[in-house]
Every structure is written in structure tokens, then in C-alpha cells.
């Protein structure tokens, strides 16, 4: 998940191949809502603009809004969301850092 922060250095997101590769990476984590949220957060931190980020999420066929809602519900529970301990304030990061229109 943290490796997603290095992607801008390795993928040319202006090409179909780069976008497809990013979608494939996001899709690898799509079965785990917490990993999906943290991966997209790393893409934001890495400076990947909204359009290629959204294209990657849509290309991965991720229901991002559902994942975001579930993460918001359980982010304070370190048993359900152990990665949330990496965040300063897990209860508010979803909408404040990721924003309402990530995908």
C-alpha cells in the first residue's frame, strides 16, 4: 500500500498503459475496503491528480463510496481496521483527506 506513493515516478498516467497498470494495482486491493482507502490515500499524498486517480478506481471496478462508508464506520476499531493506527485521527481522515469526490 505504501508503495503506491512511488507510482508517479514509475507510471506514465497520461497513457492508457499507465492508467491500466494503476487500475490493476488498485484492483488488487479492492477485496479489502481498508486497503482500498489507504491505497487511494497514498495516491493522493503522492500527488496523483483527481482524474487519473478516479479513472484508476473506476477501471478497477471498485465501489469506492461503499468502501469509504465502511471505513468511516470502522476506522476507530483497530481490530477491524488495523492500518488506521497509521493515521493521526482515523475517525476524520476519510472525508477530510480523501474528500467527498475521490473517485
PDB file of N, CA and C in Angstrom:
ATOM      1  N   UNK A   1       0.815  -1.184   0.000  1.00  0.00           N
ATOM      2  CA  UNK A   1       0.000   0.000   0.000  1.00  0.00           C
ATOM      3  C   UNK A   1       0.865   1.257   0.000  1.00  0.00           C
ATOM      4  N   UNK A   2       1.909   1.281   0.801  1.00  0.00           N
ATOM      5  CA  UNK A   2       2.782   2.460   0.826  1.00  0.00           C
ATOM      6  C   UNK A   2       3.555   2.614  -0.479  1.00  0.00           C
ATOM      7  N   UNK A   3       3.758   1.530  -1.181  1.00  0.00           N
ATOM      8  CA  UNK A   3       4.440   1.618  -2.473  1.00  0.00           C
ATOM      9  C   UNK A   3       3.646   2.436  -3.475  1.00  0.00           C
ATOM     10  N   UNK A   4       2.325   2.560  -3.262  1.00  0.00           N
ATOM     11  CA  UNK A   4       1.503   3.364  -4.164  1.00  0.00           C
ATOM     12  C   UNK A   4       2.002   4.798  -4.201  1.00  0.00           C
ATOM     13  N   UNK A   5       2.645   5.235  -3.135  1.00  0.00           N
ATOM     14  CA  UNK A   5       3.195   6.585  -3.098  1.00  0.00           C
ATOM     15  C   UNK A   5       4.336   6.811  -4.067  1.00  0.00           C
ATOM     16  N   UNK A   6       4.919   5.739  -4.561  1.00  0.00           N
ATOM     17  CA  UNK A   6       6.024   5.877  -5.515  1.00  0.00           C
ATOM     18  C   UNK A   6       5.557   5.783  -6.967  1.00  0.00           C
ATOM     19  N   UNK A   7       4.303   5.502  -7.178  1.00  0.00           N
ATOM     20  CA  UNK A   7       3.797   5.260  -8.533  1.00  0.00           C
ATOM     21  C   UNK A   7       3.994   6.417  -9.505  1.00  0.00           C
ATOM     22  N   UNK A   8       3.835   7.674  -9.083  1.00  0.00           N
ATOM     23  CA  UNK A   8       4.027   8.745 -10.071  1.00  0.00           C
ATOM     24  C   UNK A   8       5.405   8.726 -10.724  1.00  0.00           C
ATOM     25  N   UNK A   9       6.372   8.150 -10.043  1.00  0.00           N
ATOM     26  CA  UNK A   9       7.725   8.075 -10.595  1.00  0.00           C
ATOM     27  C   UNK A   9       7.871   6.932 -11.598  1.00  0.00           C
ATOM     28  N   UNK A  10       6.932   5.998 -11.589  1.00  0.00           N
ATOM     29  CA  UNK A  10       7.086   4.786 -12.381  1.00  0.00           C
ATOM     30  C   UNK A  10       6.017   4.551 -13.441  1.00  0.00           C
ATOM     31  N   UNK A  11       4.909   5.265 -13.348  1.00  0.00           N
ATOM     32  CA  UNK A  11       3.826   5.077 -14.307  1.00  0.00           C
ATOM     33  C   UNK A  11       3.552   6.382 -15.049  1.00  0.00           C
ATOM     34  N   UNK A  12       3.415   6.281 -16.339  1.00  0.00           N
ATOM     35  CA  UNK A  12       3.028   7.447 -17.125  1.00  0.00           C
ATOM     36  C   UNK A  12       1.503   7.429 -17.217  1.00  0.00           C
ATOM     37  N   UNK A  13       0.868   8.187 -16.336  1.00  0.00           N
ATOM     38  CA  UNK A  13      -0.584   8.150 -16.251  1.00  0.00           C
ATOM     39  C   UNK A  13      -1.273   8.893 -17.384  1.00  0.00           C
ATOM     40  N   UNK A  14      -0.496   9.482 -18.277  1.00  0.00           N
ATOM     41  CA  UNK A  14      -1.102  10.125 -19.450  1.00  0.00           C
ATOM     42  C   UNK A  14      -1.329   9.117 -20.574  1.00  0.00           C
ATOM     43  N   UNK A  15      -0.862   7.885 -20.372  1.00  0.00           N
ATOM     44  CA  UNK A  15      -1.048   6.840 -21.380  1.00  0.00           C
ATOM     45  C   UNK A  15      -2.064   5.813 -20.890  1.00  0.00           C
ATOM     46  N   UNK A  16      -2.669   5.112 -21.842  1.00  0.00           N
ATOM     47  CA  UNK A  16      -3.606   4.044 -21.481  1.00  0.00           C
ATOM     48  C   UNK A  16      -2.900   2.947 -20.690  1.00  0.00           C
ATOM     49  N   UNK A  17      -1.683   2.622 -21.082  1.00  0.00           N
ATOM     50  CA  UNK A  17      -0.938   1.568 -20.390  1.00  0.00           C
ATOM     51  C   UNK A  17      -0.702   1.940 -18.929  1.00  0.00           C
ATOM     52  N   UNK A  18      -0.311   3.170 -18.684  1.00  0.00           N
ATOM     53  CA  UNK A  18      -0.081   3.627 -17.309  1.00  0.00           C
ATOM     54  C   UNK A  18      -1.363   3.600 -16.490  1.00  0.00           C
ATOM     55  N   UNK A  19      -2.458   4.070 -17.089  1.00  0.00           N
ATOM     56  CA  UNK A  19      -3.758   4.060 -16.398  1.00  0.00           C
ATOM     57  C   UNK A  19      -4.213   2.638 -16.111  1.00  0.00           C
ATOM     58  N   UNK A  20      -4.030   1.751 -17.077  1.00  0.00           N
ATOM     59  CA  UNK A  20      -4.418   0.355 -16.877  1.00  0.00           C
ATOM     60  C   UNK A  20      -3.593  -0.299 -15.773  1.00  0.00           C
ATOM     61  N   UNK A  21      -2.311   0.012 -15.720  1.00  0.00           N
ATOM     62  CA  UNK A  21      -1.456  -0.537 -14.668  1.00  0.00           C
ATOM     63  C   UNK A  21      -1.904  -0.041 -13.293  1.00  0.00           C
ATOM     64  N   UNK A  22      -2.237   1.245 -13.198  1.00  0.00           N
ATOM     65  CA  UNK A  22      -2.703   1.783 -11.922  1.00  0.00           C
ATOM     66  C   UNK A  22      -4.035   1.140 -11.531  1.00  0.00           C
ATOM     67  N   UNK A  23      -4.931   0.947 -12.485  1.00  0.00           N
ATOM     68  CA  UNK A  23      -6.204   0.268 -12.207  1.00  0.00           C
ATOM     69  C   UNK A  23      -5.968  -1.149 -11.698  1.00  0.00           C
ATOM     70  N   UNK A  24      -5.023  -1.836 -12.301  1.00  0.00           N
ATOM     71  CA  UNK A  24      -4.716  -3.202 -11.874  1.00  0.00           C
ATOM     72  C   UNK A  24      -4.185  -3.228 -10.442  1.00  0.00           C
ATOM     73  N   UNK A  25      -3.392  -2.237 -10.084  1.00  0.00           N
ATOM     74  CA  UNK A  25      -2.859  -2.160  -8.722  1.00  0.00           C
ATOM     75  C   UNK A  25      -3.985  -1.892  -7.731  1.00  0.00           C
ATOM     76  N   UNK A  26      -4.857  -0.941  -8.049  1.00  0.00           N
ATOM     77  CA  UNK A  26      -5.994  -0.646  -7.170  1.00  0.00           C
ATOM     78  C   UNK A  26      -6.891  -1.875  -7.052  1.00  0.00           C
ATOM     79  N   UNK A  27      -7.115  -2.581  -8.156  1.00  0.00           N
ATOM     80  CA  UNK A  27      -7.972  -3.767  -8.146  1.00  0.00           C
ATOM     81  C   UNK A  27      -7.420  -4.867  -7.241  1.00  0.00           C
ATOM     82  N   UNK A  28      -6.101  -4.953  -7.102  1.00  0.00           N
ATOM     83  CA  UNK A  28      -5.503  -5.973  -6.239  1.00  0.00           C
ATOM     84  C   UNK A  28      -5.958  -5.806  -4.790  1.00  0.00           C
ATOM     85  N   UNK A  29      -6.239  -4.569  -4.392  1.00  0.00           N
ATOM     86  CA  UNK A  29      -6.630  -4.308  -3.014  1.00  0.00           C
ATOM     87  C   UNK A  29      -8.137  -4.182  -2.836  1.00  0.00           C
ATOM     88  N   UNK A  30      -8.892  -4.299  -3.916  1.00  0.00           N
ATOM     89  CA  UNK A  30     -10.321  -3.995  -3.893  1.00  0.00           C
ATOM     90  C   UNK A  30     -11.140  -4.936  -3.026  1.00  0.00           C
ATOM     91  N   UNK A  31     -10.621  -6.094  -2.688  1.00  0.00           N
ATOM     92  CA  UNK A  31     -11.378  -7.007  -1.841  1.00  0.00           C
ATOM     93  C   UNK A  31     -11.302  -6.616  -0.372  1.00  0.00           C
ATOM     94  N   UNK A  32     -10.449  -5.665  -0.031  1.00  0.00           N
ATOM     95  CA  UNK A  32     -10.300  -5.198   1.346  1.00  0.00           C
ATOM     96  C   UNK A  32     -10.554  -3.696   1.376  1.00  0.00           C
ATOM     97  N   UNK A  33     -11.671  -3.294   1.953  1.00  0.00           N
ATOM     98  CA  UNK A  33     -12.037  -1.878   1.917  1.00  0.00           C
ATOM     99  C   UNK A  33     -10.995  -0.991   2.580  1.00  0.00           C
ATOM    100  N   UNK A  34     -10.362  -1.473   3.649  1.00  0.00           N
ATOM    101  CA  UNK A  34      -9.362  -0.650   4.330  1.00  0.00           C
ATOM    102  C   UNK A  34      -8.137  -0.440   3.447  1.00  0.00           C
ATOM    103  N   UNK A  35      -7.656  -1.489   2.812  1.00  0.00           N
ATOM    104  CA  UNK A  35      -6.515  -1.343   1.906  1.00  0.00           C
ATOM    105  C   UNK A  35      -6.851  -0.442   0.724  1.00  0.00           C
ATOM    106  N   UNK A  36      -8.085  -0.550   0.245  1.00  0.00           N
ATOM    107  CA  UNK A  36      -8.509   0.313  -0.862  1.00  0.00           C
ATOM    108  C   UNK A  36      -8.418   1.776  -0.453  1.00  0.00           C
ATOM    109  N   UNK A  37      -8.958   2.117   0.709  1.00  0.00           N
ATOM    110  CA  UNK A  37      -8.946   3.506   1.184  1.00  0.00           C
ATOM    111  C   UNK A  37      -7.518   3.985   1.380  1.00  0.00           C
ATOM    112  N   UNK A  38      -6.695   3.193   2.038  1.00  0.00           N
ATOM    113  CA  UNK A  38      -5.310   3.608   2.289  1.00  0.00           C
ATOM    114  C   UNK A  38      -4.505   3.711   0.999  1.00  0.00           C
ATOM    115  N   UNK A  39      -4.769   2.838   0.037  1.00  0.00           N
ATOM    116  CA  UNK A  39      -4.062   2.919  -1.243  1.00  0.00           C
ATOM    117  C   UNK A  39      -4.413   4.214  -1.962  1.00  0.00           C
ATOM    118  N   UNK A  40      -5.694   4.542  -2.013  1.00  0.00           N
ATOM    119  CA  UNK A  40      -6.103   5.783  -2.669  1.00  0.00           C
ATOM    120  C   UNK A  40      -5.546   6.984  -1.910  1.00  0.00           C
ATOM    121  N   UNK A  41      -5.515   6.909  -0.586  1.00  0.00           N
ATOM    122  CA  UNK A  41      -4.922   7.998   0.197  1.00  0.00           C
ATOM    123  C   UNK A  41      -3.450   8.189  -0.159  1.00  0.00           C
ATOM    124  N   UNK A  42      -2.740   7.092  -0.364  1.00  0.00           N
ATOM    125  CA  UNK A  42      -1.329   7.193  -0.760  1.00  0.00           C
ATOM    126  C   UNK A  42      -1.199   7.826  -2.146  1.00  0.00           C
ATOM    127  N   UNK A  43      -2.135   7.527  -3.039  1.00  0.00           N
ATOM    128  CA  UNK A  43      -2.113   8.145  -4.368  1.00  0.00           C
ATOM    129  C   UNK A  43      -2.317   9.653  -4.253  1.00  0.00           C
ATOM    130  N   UNK A  44      -3.216  10.056  -3.342  1.00  0.00           N
ATOM    131  CA  UNK A  44      -3.442  11.481  -3.112  1.00  0.00           C
ATOM    132  C   UNK A  44      -2.176  12.125  -2.572  1.00  0.00           C
ATOM    133  N   UNK A  45      -1.590  11.508  -1.577  1.00  0.00           N
ATOM    134  CA  UNK A  45      -0.356  12.045  -0.979  1.00  0.00           C
ATOM    135  C   UNK A  45       0.776  12.120  -1.993  1.00  0.00           C
ATOM    136  N   UNK A  46       0.762  11.201  -2.952  1.00  0.00           N
ATOM    137  CA  UNK A  46       1.811  11.184  -3.978  1.00  0.00           C
ATOM    138  C   UNK A  46       1.580  12.247  -5.036  1.00  0.00           C
ATOM    139  N   UNK A  47       0.433  12.911  -4.967  1.00  0.00           N
ATOM    140  CA  UNK A  47       0.160  13.992  -5.906  1.00  0.00           C
ATOM    141  C   UNK A  47      -0.491  13.561  -7.198  1.00  0.00           C
ATOM    142  N   UNK A  48      -1.038  12.349  -7.243  1.00  0.00           N
ATOM    143  CA  UNK A  48      -1.728  11.917  -8.455  1.00  0.00           C
ATOM    144  C   UNK A  48      -3.039  12.693  -8.550  1.00  0.00           C
ATOM    145  N   UNK A  49      -3.244  13.404  -9.642  1.00  0.00           N
ATOM    146  CA  UNK A  49      -4.440  14.242  -9.780  1.00  0.00           C
ATOM    147  C   UNK A  49      -5.740  13.440  -9.742  1.00  0.00           C
ATOM    148  N   UNK A  50      -6.818  14.152  -9.496  1.00  0.00           N
ATOM    149  CA  UNK A  50      -8.138  13.545  -9.340  1.00  0.00           C
ATOM    150  C   UNK A  50      -8.562  12.703 -10.541  1.00  0.00           C
ATOM    151  N   UNK A  51      -8.346  13.206 -11.759  1.00  0.00           N
ATOM    152  CA  UNK A  51      -8.825  12.474 -12.937  1.00  0.00           C
ATOM    153  C   UNK A  51      -8.164  11.110 -13.099  1.00  0.00           C
ATOM    154  N   UNK A  52      -6.826  11.001 -13.108  1.00  0.00           N
ATOM    155  CA  UNK A  52      -6.245   9.656 -13.236  1.00  0.00           C
ATOM    156  C   UNK A  52      -6.533   8.771 -12.028  1.00  0.00           C
ATOM    157  N   UNK A  53      -6.636   9.373 -10.851  1.00  0.00           N
ATOM    158  CA  UNK A  53      -6.975   8.608  -9.653  1.00  0.00           C
ATOM    159  C   UNK A  53      -8.386   8.041  -9.786  1.00  0.00           C
ATOM    160  N   UNK A  54      -9.320   8.869 -10.204  1.00  0.00           N
ATOM    161  CA  UNK A  54     -10.698   8.410 -10.396  1.00  0.00           C
ATOM    162  C   UNK A  54     -10.799   7.369 -11.488  1.00  0.00           C
ATOM    163  N   UNK A  55     -10.050   7.581 -12.594  1.00  0.00           N
ATOM    164  CA  UNK A  55     -10.036   6.591 -13.677  1.00  0.00           C
ATOM    165  C   UNK A  55      -9.528   5.249 -13.185  1.00  0.00           C
ATOM    166  N   UNK A  56      -8.519   5.276 -12.325  1.00  0.00           N
ATOM    167  CA  UNK A  56      -7.960   4.029 -11.795  1.00  0.00           C
ATOM    168  C   UNK A  56      -8.980   3.297 -10.940  1.00  0.00           C
ATOM    169  N   UNK A  57      -9.690   4.042 -10.095  1.00  0.00           N
ATOM    170  CA  UNK A  57     -10.695   3.421  -9.232  1.00  0.00           C
ATOM    171  C   UNK A  57     -11.839   2.862 -10.071  1.00  0.00           C
ATOM    172  N   UNK A  58     -12.303   3.640 -11.043  1.00  0.00           N
ATOM    173  CA  UNK A  58     -13.383   3.148 -11.906  1.00  0.00           C
ATOM    174  C   UNK A  58     -12.912   1.963 -12.746  1.00  0.00           C
ATOM    175  N   UNK A  59     -11.687   2.024 -13.266  1.00  0.00           N
ATOM    176  CA  UNK A  59     -11.138   0.936 -14.068  1.00  0.00           C
ATOM    177  C   UNK A  59     -10.965  -0.343 -13.285  1.00  0.00           C
ATOM    178  N   UNK A  60     -10.808  -0.204 -11.965  1.00  0.00           N
ATOM    179  CA  UNK A  60     -10.670  -1.375 -11.093  1.00  0.00           C
ATOM    180  C   UNK A  60     -12.027  -1.912 -10.660  1.00  0.00           C
ATOM    181  N   UNK A  61     -13.097  -1.233 -11.101  1.00  0.00           N
ATOM    182  CA  UNK A  61     -14.460  -1.620 -10.730  1.00  0.00           C
ATOM    183  C   UNK A  61     -14.651  -1.657  -9.216  1.00  0.00           C
ATOM    184  N   UNK A  62     -14.140  -0.637  -8.543  1.00  0.00           N
ATOM    185  CA  UNK A  62     -14.250  -0.524  -7.099  1.00  0.00           C
ATOM    186  C   UNK A  62     -15.446   0.359  -6.763  1.00  0.00           C
ATOM    187  N   UNK A  63     -16.295  -0.120  -5.869  1.00  0.00           N
ATOM    188  CA  UNK A  63     -17.378   0.707  -5.339  1.00  0.00           C
ATOM    189  C   UNK A  63     -16.764   1.524  -4.206  1.00  0.00           C
ATOM    190  N   UNK A  64     -16.106   2.617  -4.600  1.00  0.00           N
ATOM    191  CA  UNK A  64     -15.314   3.380  -3.645  1.00  0.00           C
ATOM    192  C   UNK A  64     -16.169   4.015  -2.563  1.00  0.00           C
ATOM    193  N   UNK A  65     -17.329   4.505  -2.915  1.00  0.00           N
ATOM    194  CA  UNK A  65     -18.191   5.148  -1.917  1.00  0.00           C
ATOM    195  C   UNK A  65     -18.569   4.163  -0.814  1.00  0.00           C
ATOM    196  N   UNK A  66     -18.905   2.921  -1.177  1.00  0.00           N
ATOM    197  CA  UNK A  66     -19.228   1.905  -0.173  1.00  0.00           C
ATOM    198  C   UNK A  66     -18.018   1.592   0.702  1.00  0.00           C
ATOM    199  N   UNK A  67     -16.848   1.487   0.071  1.00  0.00           N
ATOM    200  CA  UNK A  67     -15.625   1.230   0.838  1.00  0.00           C
ATOM    201  C   UNK A  67     -15.357   2.383   1.800  1.00  0.00           C
ATOM    202  N   UNK A  68     -15.560   3.602   1.339  1.00  0.00           N
ATOM    203  CA  UNK A  68     -15.328   4.783   2.163  1.00  0.00           C
ATOM    204  C   UNK A  68     -16.308   4.805   3.339  1.00  0.00           C
ATOM    205  N   UNK A  69     -17.563   4.508   3.088  1.00  0.00           N
ATOM    206  CA  UNK A  69     -18.553   4.489   4.164  1.00  0.00           C
ATOM    207  C   UNK A  69     -18.237   3.409   5.194  1.00  0.00           C
ATOM    208  N   UNK A  70     -17.832   2.245   4.722  1.00  0.00           N
ATOM    209  CA  UNK A  70     -17.495   1.168   5.654  1.00  0.00           C
ATOM    210  C   UNK A  70     -16.259   1.528   6.470  1.00  0.00           C
ATOM    211  N   UNK A  71     -15.275   2.137   5.824  1.00  0.00           N
ATOM    212  CA  UNK A  71     -14.079   2.553   6.549  1.00  0.00           C
ATOM    213  C   UNK A  71     -14.430   3.606   7.595  1.00  0.00           C
ATOM    214  N   UNK A  72     -15.265   4.557   7.228  1.00  0.00           N
ATOM    215  CA  UNK A  72     -15.680   5.582   8.189  1.00  0.00           C
ATOM    216  C   UNK A  72     -16.363   4.955   9.402  1.00  0.00           C
ATOM    217  N   UNK A  73     -17.129   3.911   9.153  1.00  0.00           N
ATOM    218  CA  UNK A  73     -17.852   3.243  10.238  1.00  0.00           C
ATOM    219  C   UNK A  73     -16.902   2.517  11.193  1.00  0.00           C
ATOM    220  N   UNK A  74     -15.841   1.912  10.655  1.00  0.00           N
ATOM    221  CA  UNK A  74     -14.980   1.055  11.469  1.00  0.00           C
ATOM    222  C   UNK A  74     -13.564   1.579  11.710  1.00  0.00           C
ATOM    223  N   UNK A  75     -13.240   2.758  11.203  1.00  0.00           N
ATOM    224  CA  UNK A  75     -11.851   3.231  11.262  1.00  0.00           C
ATOM    225  C   UNK A  75     -11.311   3.348  12.678  1.00  0.00           C
ATOM    226  N   UNK A  76     -12.147   3.603  13.662  1.00  0.00           N
ATOM    227  CA  UNK A  76     -11.674   3.704  15.037  1.00  0.00           C
ATOM    228  C   UNK A  76     -11.447   2.351  15.689  1.00  0.00           C
ATOM    229  N   UNK A  77     -11.861   1.288  15.040  1.00  0.00           N
ATOM    230  CA  UNK A  77     -11.734  -0.060  15.578  1.00  0.00           C
ATOM    231  C   UNK A  77     -10.461  -0.681  15.014  1.00  0.00           C
ATOM    232  N   UNK A  78      -9.423  -0.755  15.830  1.00  0.00           N
ATOM    233  CA  UNK A  78      -8.139  -1.243  15.329  1.00  0.00           C
ATOM    234  C   UNK A  78      -8.123  -2.751  15.086  1.00  0.00           C
ATOM    235  N   UNK A  79      -9.156  -3.449  15.512  1.00  0.00           N
ATOM    236  CA  UNK A  79      -9.270  -4.870  15.178  1.00  0.00           C
ATOM    237  C   UNK A  79      -9.802  -4.989  13.750  1.00  0.00           C
ATOM    238  N   UNK A  80     -10.846  -4.206  13.444  1.00  0.00           N
ATOM    239  CA  UNK A  80     -11.424  -4.227  12.097  1.00  0.00           C
ATOM    240  C   UNK A  80     -10.520  -3.507  11.096  1.00  0.00           C
ATOM    241  N   UNK A  81      -9.862  -2.448  11.531  1.00  0.00           N
ATOM    242  CA  UNK A  81      -9.036  -1.618  10.654  1.00  0.00           C
ATOM    243  C   UNK A  81      -7.659  -1.392  11.282  1.00  0.00           C
ATOM    244  N   UNK A  82      -6.810  -2.414  11.288  1.00  0.00           N
ATOM    245  CA  UNK A  82      -5.503  -2.252  11.940  1.00  0.00           C
ATOM    246  C   UNK A  82      -4.627  -1.181  11.312  1.00  0.00           C
ATOM    247  N   UNK A  83      -4.811  -0.888  10.023  1.00  0.00           N
ATOM    248  CA  UNK A  83      -3.998   0.140   9.386  1.00  0.00           C
ATOM    249  C   UNK A  83      -4.345   1.537   9.878  1.00  0.00           C
ATOM    250  N   UNK A  84      -5.529   1.692  10.480  1.00  0.00           N
ATOM    251  CA  UNK A  84      -5.944   3.016  10.916  1.00  0.00           C
ATOM    252  C   UNK A  84      -5.039   3.554  12.016  1.00  0.00           C
ATOM    253  N   UNK A  85      -4.248   2.693  12.643  1.00  0.00           N
ATOM    254  CA  UNK A  85      -3.310   3.181  13.654  1.00  0.00           C
ATOM    255  C   UNK A  85      -2.196   4.017  13.025  1.00  0.00           C
ATOM    256  N   UNK A  86      -2.037   3.924  11.694  1.00  0.00           N
ATOM    257  CA  UNK A  86      -1.035   4.732  10.994  1.00  0.00           C
ATOM    258  C   UNK A  86      -1.468   6.177  10.827  1.00  0.00           C
ATOM    259  N   UNK A  87      -2.723   6.478  11.077  1.00  0.00           N
ATOM    260  CA  UNK A  87      -3.268   7.819  10.861  1.00  0.00           C
ATOM    261  C   UNK A  87      -3.380   8.544  12.185  1.00  0.00           C
ATOM    262  N   UNK A  88      -3.184   9.834  12.165  1.00  0.00           N
ATOM    263  CA  UNK A  88      -3.278  10.639  13.382  1.00  0.00           C
ATOM    264  C   UNK A  88      -4.706  10.615  13.922  1.00  0.00           C
ATOM    265  N   UNK A  89      -5.675  10.812  13.086  1.00  0.00           N
ATOM    266  CA  UNK A  89      -7.070  10.841  13.502  1.00  0.00           C
ATOM    267  C   UNK A  89      -7.901  10.028  12.513  1.00  0.00           C
ATOM    268  N   UNK A  90      -7.967   8.738  12.741  1.00  0.00           N
ATOM    269  CA  UNK A  90      -8.630   7.837  11.793  1.00  0.00           C
ATOM    270  C   UNK A  90     -10.107   8.138  11.619  1.00  0.00           C
ATOM    271  N   UNK A  91     -10.725   8.729  12.622  1.00  0.00           N
ATOM    272  CA  UNK A  91     -12.153   8.985  12.539  1.00  0.00           C
ATOM    273  C   UNK A  91     -12.533  10.084  11.564  1.00  0.00           C
ATOM    274  N   UNK A  92     -11.579  10.924  11.179  1.00  0.00           N
ATOM    275  CA  UNK A  92     -11.929  12.037  10.303  1.00  0.00           C
ATOM    276  C   UNK A  92     -11.182  12.051   8.978  1.00  0.00           C
ATOM    277  N   UNK A  93     -10.247  11.134   8.774  1.00  0.00           N
ATOM    278  CA  UNK A  93      -9.437  11.219   7.558  1.00  0.00           C
ATOM    279  C   UNK A  93     -10.196  10.994   6.277  1.00  0.00           C
ATOM    280  N   UNK A  94     -11.211  10.156   6.323  1.00  0.00           N
ATOM    281  CA  UNK A  94     -11.879   9.770   5.082  1.00  0.00           C
ATOM    282  C   UNK A  94     -12.356  10.963   4.281  1.00  0.00           C
ATOM    283  N   UNK A  95     -13.165  11.786   4.877  1.00  0.00           N
ATOM    284  CA  UNK A  95     -13.726  12.908   4.138  1.00  0.00           C
ATOM    285  C   UNK A  95     -12.797  14.117   4.114  1.00  0.00           C
ATOM    286  N   UNK A  96     -11.985  14.298   5.129  1.00  0.00           N
ATOM    287  CA  UNK A  96     -11.127  15.464   5.171  1.00  0.00           C
ATOM    288  C   UNK A  96      -9.898  15.317   4.264  1.00  0.00           C
ATOM    289  N   UNK A  97      -9.254  14.156   4.320  1.00  0.00           N
ATOM    290  CA  UNK A  97      -8.057  13.951   3.493  1.00  0.00           C
ATOM    291  C   UNK A  97      -8.439  13.440   2.116  1.00  0.00           C
ATOM    292  N   UNK A  98      -9.289  12.427   2.083  1.00  0.00           N
ATOM    293  CA  UNK A  98      -9.654  11.840   0.799  1.00  0.00           C
ATOM    294  C   UNK A  98     -10.671  12.686   0.068  1.00  0.00           C
ATOM    295  N   UNK A  99     -11.510  13.387   0.786  1.00  0.00           N
ATOM    296  CA  UNK A  99     -12.505  14.248   0.174  1.00  0.00           C
ATOM    297  C   UNK A  99     -13.722  13.470  -0.296  1.00  0.00           C
ATOM    298  N   UNK A 100     -14.805  14.185  -0.576  1.00  0.00           N
ATOM    299  CA  UNK A 100     -16.044  13.511  -0.951  1.00  0.00           C
ATOM    300  C   UNK A 100     -16.068  13.016  -2.398  1.00  0.00           C
ATOM    301  N   UNK A 101     -15.134  13.446  -3.214  1.00  0.00           N
ATOM    302  CA  UNK A 101     -15.190  13.066  -4.636  1.00  0.00           C
ATOM    303  C   UNK A 101     -13.872  12.478  -5.100  1.00  0.00           C
ATOM    304  N   UNK A 102     -13.385  11.494  -4.368  1.00  0.00           N
ATOM    305  CA  UNK A 102     -12.106  10.878  -4.702  1.00  0.00           C
ATOM    306  C   UNK A 102     -12.196  10.109  -6.004  1.00  0.00           C
ATOM    307  N   UNK A 103     -13.269   9.363  -6.171  1.00  0.00           N
ATOM    308  CA  UNK A 103     -13.403   8.515  -7.352  1.00  0.00           C
ATOM    309  C   UNK A 103     -14.139   9.238  -8.457  1.00  0.00           C
TER     310      UNK A 103
END
